[in-house]
Amino acid sequence: MSAKEINTLLTLMNQRQARLTSTCKQIAEWIDRQGDVPTAGQIRASLRALEEEEAQVRKTLSSLRQDRPLPRFRS
């Protein structure tokens, strides 16, 4: 797999994660309106963990976009 293909795949995965996060937030809001505050809180707590990692994911993706060879790993 080429560096470009890996970059494309990681970008796609990041976009999908963002969409899933948005959808989960909407679900948490709906659950909250239904009166199940504890469940909505659990969903939001899980989402906070994803949000905390977002900066690192973006930084990593940005560094991969610089057209340079990927490191070779020893087998």
N, C-alpha and C. Protein backbone atom coordinates (compact mmCIF):
# COMPACT_ATOMS: atom_id res chain seq x y z
N MET A 1 0.86 -1.17 0.00
CA MET A 1 0.00 0.00 0.00
C MET A 1 0.91 1.23 0.00
N SER A 2 0.62 2.15 -0.89
CA SER A 2 1.46 3.35 -1.01
C SER A 2 1.13 4.35 0.11
N ALA A 3 2.01 5.31 0.27
CA ALA A 3 1.80 6.36 1.28
C ALA A 3 0.53 7.14 0.97
N LYS A 4 0.28 7.38 -0.30
CA LYS A 4 -0.93 8.12 -0.70
C LYS A 4 -2.18 7.32 -0.33
N GLU A 5 -2.16 6.03 -0.57
CA GLU A 5 -3.30 5.17 -0.24
C GLU A 5 -3.53 5.13 1.27
N ILE A 6 -2.44 5.06 2.03
CA ILE A 6 -2.56 5.05 3.49
C ILE A 6 -3.13 6.37 3.98
N ASN A 7 -2.64 7.47 3.41
CA ASN A 7 -3.14 8.79 3.78
C ASN A 7 -4.64 8.91 3.47
N THR A 8 -5.04 8.44 2.30
CA THR A 8 -6.45 8.48 1.91
C THR A 8 -7.29 7.65 2.86
N LEU A 9 -6.83 6.47 3.20
CA LEU A 9 -7.55 5.59 4.11
C LEU A 9 -7.70 6.22 5.50
N LEU A 10 -6.61 6.77 6.03
CA LEU A 10 -6.67 7.40 7.35
C LEU A 10 -7.57 8.62 7.35
N THR A 11 -7.55 9.40 6.29
CA THR A 11 -8.43 10.56 6.18
C THR A 11 -9.88 10.12 6.15
N LEU A 12 -10.18 9.08 5.39
CA LEU A 12 -11.54 8.54 5.33
C LEU A 12 -12.00 8.05 6.70
N MET A 13 -11.11 7.35 7.40
CA MET A 13 -11.46 6.85 8.74
C MET A 13 -11.73 8.02 9.68
N ASN A 14 -10.95 9.08 9.58
CA ASN A 14 -11.16 10.25 10.42
C ASN A 14 -12.50 10.92 10.11
N GLN A 15 -12.84 11.01 8.83
CA GLN A 15 -14.12 11.60 8.44
C GLN A 15 -15.29 10.75 8.95
N ARG A 16 -15.17 9.46 8.86
CA ARG A 16 -16.23 8.58 9.36
C ARG A 16 -16.38 8.70 10.88
N GLN A 17 -15.25 8.81 11.57
CA GLN A 17 -15.32 8.97 13.02
C GLN A 17 -16.03 10.27 13.37
N ALA A 18 -15.75 11.33 12.62
CA ALA A 18 -16.40 12.62 12.86
C ALA A 18 -17.91 12.51 12.65
N ARG A 19 -18.32 11.81 11.60
CA ARG A 19 -19.76 11.62 11.34
C ARG A 19 -20.42 10.80 12.44
N LEU A 20 -19.75 9.74 12.87
CA LEU A 20 -20.30 8.91 13.95
C LEU A 20 -20.41 9.70 15.25
N THR A 21 -19.41 10.52 15.53
CA THR A 21 -19.43 11.36 16.73
C THR A 21 -20.62 12.31 16.69
N SER A 22 -20.83 12.94 15.55
CA SER A 22 -21.95 13.86 15.39
C SER A 22 -23.28 13.14 15.59
N THR A 23 -23.40 11.97 15.02
CA THR A 23 -24.63 11.19 15.16
C THR A 23 -24.86 10.77 16.61
N CYS A 24 -23.80 10.37 17.30
CA CYS A 24 -23.93 9.98 18.70
C CYS A 24 -24.35 11.16 19.57
N LYS A 25 -23.85 12.35 19.24
CA LYS A 25 -24.26 13.55 19.98
C LYS A 25 -25.76 13.79 19.80
N GLN A 26 -26.24 13.62 18.58
CA GLN A 26 -27.68 13.79 18.32
C GLN A 26 -28.49 12.75 19.08
N ILE A 27 -28.01 11.54 19.12
CA ILE A 27 -28.70 10.47 19.87
C ILE A 27 -28.72 10.81 21.35
N ALA A 28 -27.59 11.28 21.89
CA ALA A 28 -27.52 11.65 23.31
C ALA A 28 -28.51 12.76 23.63
N GLU A 29 -28.61 13.74 22.73
CA GLU A 29 -29.57 14.82 22.95
C GLU A 29 -31.00 14.30 22.95
N TRP A 30 -31.31 13.38 22.03
CA TRP A 30 -32.65 12.81 21.96
C TRP A 30 -32.95 12.01 23.24
N ILE A 31 -31.99 11.20 23.68
CA ILE A 31 -32.17 10.41 24.90
C ILE A 31 -32.37 11.33 26.10
N ASP A 32 -31.61 12.41 26.13
CA ASP A 32 -31.74 13.39 27.21
C ASP A 32 -33.15 13.97 27.24
N ARG A 33 -33.69 14.31 26.08
CA ARG A 33 -35.06 14.87 26.00
C ARG A 33 -36.11 13.84 26.42
N GLN A 34 -35.78 12.55 26.27
CA GLN A 34 -36.72 11.50 26.66
C GLN A 34 -36.70 11.27 28.17
N GLY A 35 -35.71 11.89 28.83
CA GLY A 35 -35.66 11.80 30.28
C GLY A 35 -34.64 10.83 30.84
N ASP A 36 -33.88 10.17 29.99
CA ASP A 36 -32.88 9.22 30.48
C ASP A 36 -31.52 9.92 30.56
N VAL A 37 -31.41 10.80 31.52
CA VAL A 37 -30.21 11.62 31.68
C VAL A 37 -28.96 10.78 31.93
N PRO A 38 -29.01 9.73 32.75
CA PRO A 38 -27.79 8.93 32.98
C PRO A 38 -27.23 8.31 31.69
N THR A 39 -28.09 7.77 30.85
CA THR A 39 -27.61 7.17 29.61
C THR A 39 -27.03 8.23 28.68
N ALA A 40 -27.69 9.35 28.58
CA ALA A 40 -27.18 10.45 27.76
C ALA A 40 -25.81 10.89 28.28
N GLY A 41 -25.66 10.94 29.57
CA GLY A 41 -24.38 11.32 30.18
C GLY A 41 -23.28 10.33 29.86
N GLN A 42 -23.61 9.04 29.83
CA GLN A 42 -22.62 8.01 29.51
C GLN A 42 -22.15 8.16 28.06
N ILE A 43 -23.08 8.44 27.17
CA ILE A 43 -22.72 8.64 25.77
C ILE A 43 -21.81 9.86 25.64
N ARG A 44 -22.17 10.94 26.30
CA ARG A 44 -21.35 12.16 26.23
C ARG A 44 -19.95 11.94 26.82
N ALA A 45 -19.85 11.15 27.86
CA ALA A 45 -18.54 10.85 28.46
C ALA A 45 -17.66 10.09 27.46
N SER A 46 -18.25 9.15 26.76
CA SER A 46 -17.49 8.41 25.74
C SER A 46 -17.05 9.33 24.61
N LEU A 47 -17.91 10.25 24.24
CA LEU A 47 -17.58 11.19 23.16
C LEU A 47 -16.47 12.15 23.58
N ARG A 48 -16.43 12.52 24.84
CA ARG A 48 -15.36 13.42 25.32
C ARG A 48 -13.99 12.79 25.10
N ALA A 49 -13.90 11.48 25.30
CA ALA A 49 -12.62 10.79 25.08
C ALA A 49 -12.19 10.92 23.62
N LEU A 50 -13.13 10.80 22.71
CA LEU A 50 -12.80 10.97 21.29
C LEU A 50 -12.37 12.40 20.99
N GLU A 51 -13.07 13.35 21.57
CA GLU A 51 -12.75 14.75 21.33
C GLU A 51 -11.37 15.10 21.88
N GLU A 52 -10.98 14.49 22.98
CA GLU A 52 -9.66 14.76 23.56
C GLU A 52 -8.54 14.26 22.65
N GLU A 53 -8.81 13.22 21.87
CA GLU A 53 -7.81 12.66 20.97
C GLU A 53 -7.80 13.33 19.60
N GLU A 54 -8.79 14.15 19.32
CA GLU A 54 -8.95 14.74 18.00
C GLU A 54 -7.73 15.55 17.55
N ALA A 55 -7.17 16.35 18.44
CA ALA A 55 -6.02 17.17 18.08
C ALA A 55 -4.84 16.30 17.64
N GLN A 56 -4.59 15.22 18.36
CA GLN A 56 -3.49 14.33 18.00
C GLN A 56 -3.75 13.65 16.66
N VAL A 57 -4.98 13.25 16.41
CA VAL A 57 -5.32 12.61 15.13
C VAL A 57 -5.08 13.59 13.99
N ARG A 58 -5.55 14.83 14.15
CA ARG A 58 -5.35 15.84 13.10
C ARG A 58 -3.87 16.12 12.86
N LYS A 59 -3.10 16.21 13.94
CA LYS A 59 -1.66 16.47 13.82
C LYS A 59 -0.99 15.33 13.05
N THR A 60 -1.35 14.11 13.37
CA THR A 60 -0.77 12.95 12.70
C THR A 60 -1.13 12.93 11.23
N LEU A 61 -2.40 13.17 10.92
CA LEU A 61 -2.82 13.19 9.52
C LEU A 61 -2.11 14.30 8.75
N SER A 62 -1.95 15.44 9.37
CA SER A 62 -1.25 16.55 8.71
C SER A 62 0.20 16.18 8.40
N SER A 63 0.85 15.51 9.32
CA SER A 63 2.24 15.12 9.09
C SER A 63 2.35 14.09 7.97
N LEU A 64 1.34 13.25 7.80
CA LEU A 64 1.38 12.25 6.74
C LEU A 64 1.15 12.87 5.37
N ARG A 65 0.50 14.02 5.33
CA ARG A 65 0.21 14.67 4.05
C ARG A 65 1.46 15.28 3.41
N GLN A 66 2.50 15.43 4.18
CA GLN A 66 3.75 15.93 3.63
C GLN A 66 4.38 14.77 2.85
N ASP A 67 4.50 14.95 1.57
CA ASP A 67 4.97 13.86 0.71
C ASP A 67 6.39 13.46 1.07
N ARG A 68 6.51 12.57 2.00
CA ARG A 68 7.80 12.03 2.38
C ARG A 68 7.63 10.53 2.59
N PRO A 69 8.67 9.79 2.46
CA PRO A 69 8.53 8.33 2.59
C PRO A 69 8.15 7.93 4.02
N LEU A 70 7.38 6.88 4.09
CA LEU A 70 7.01 6.32 5.37
C LEU A 70 8.20 5.57 5.97
N PRO A 71 8.32 5.52 7.28
CA PRO A 71 9.44 4.79 7.89
C PRO A 71 9.32 3.29 7.60
N ARG A 72 10.45 2.67 7.45
CA ARG A 72 10.46 1.22 7.26
C ARG A 72 10.56 0.55 8.62
N PHE A 73 9.75 -0.46 8.81
CA PHE A 73 9.75 -1.17 10.08
C PHE A 73 10.53 -2.46 9.93
N ARG A 74 11.25 -2.79 10.96
CA ARG A 74 12.00 -4.06 10.94
C ARG A 74 11.05 -5.21 11.17
N SER A 75 11.28 -6.27 10.46
CA SER A 75 10.42 -7.44 10.65
C SER A 75 11.10 -8.50 11.46
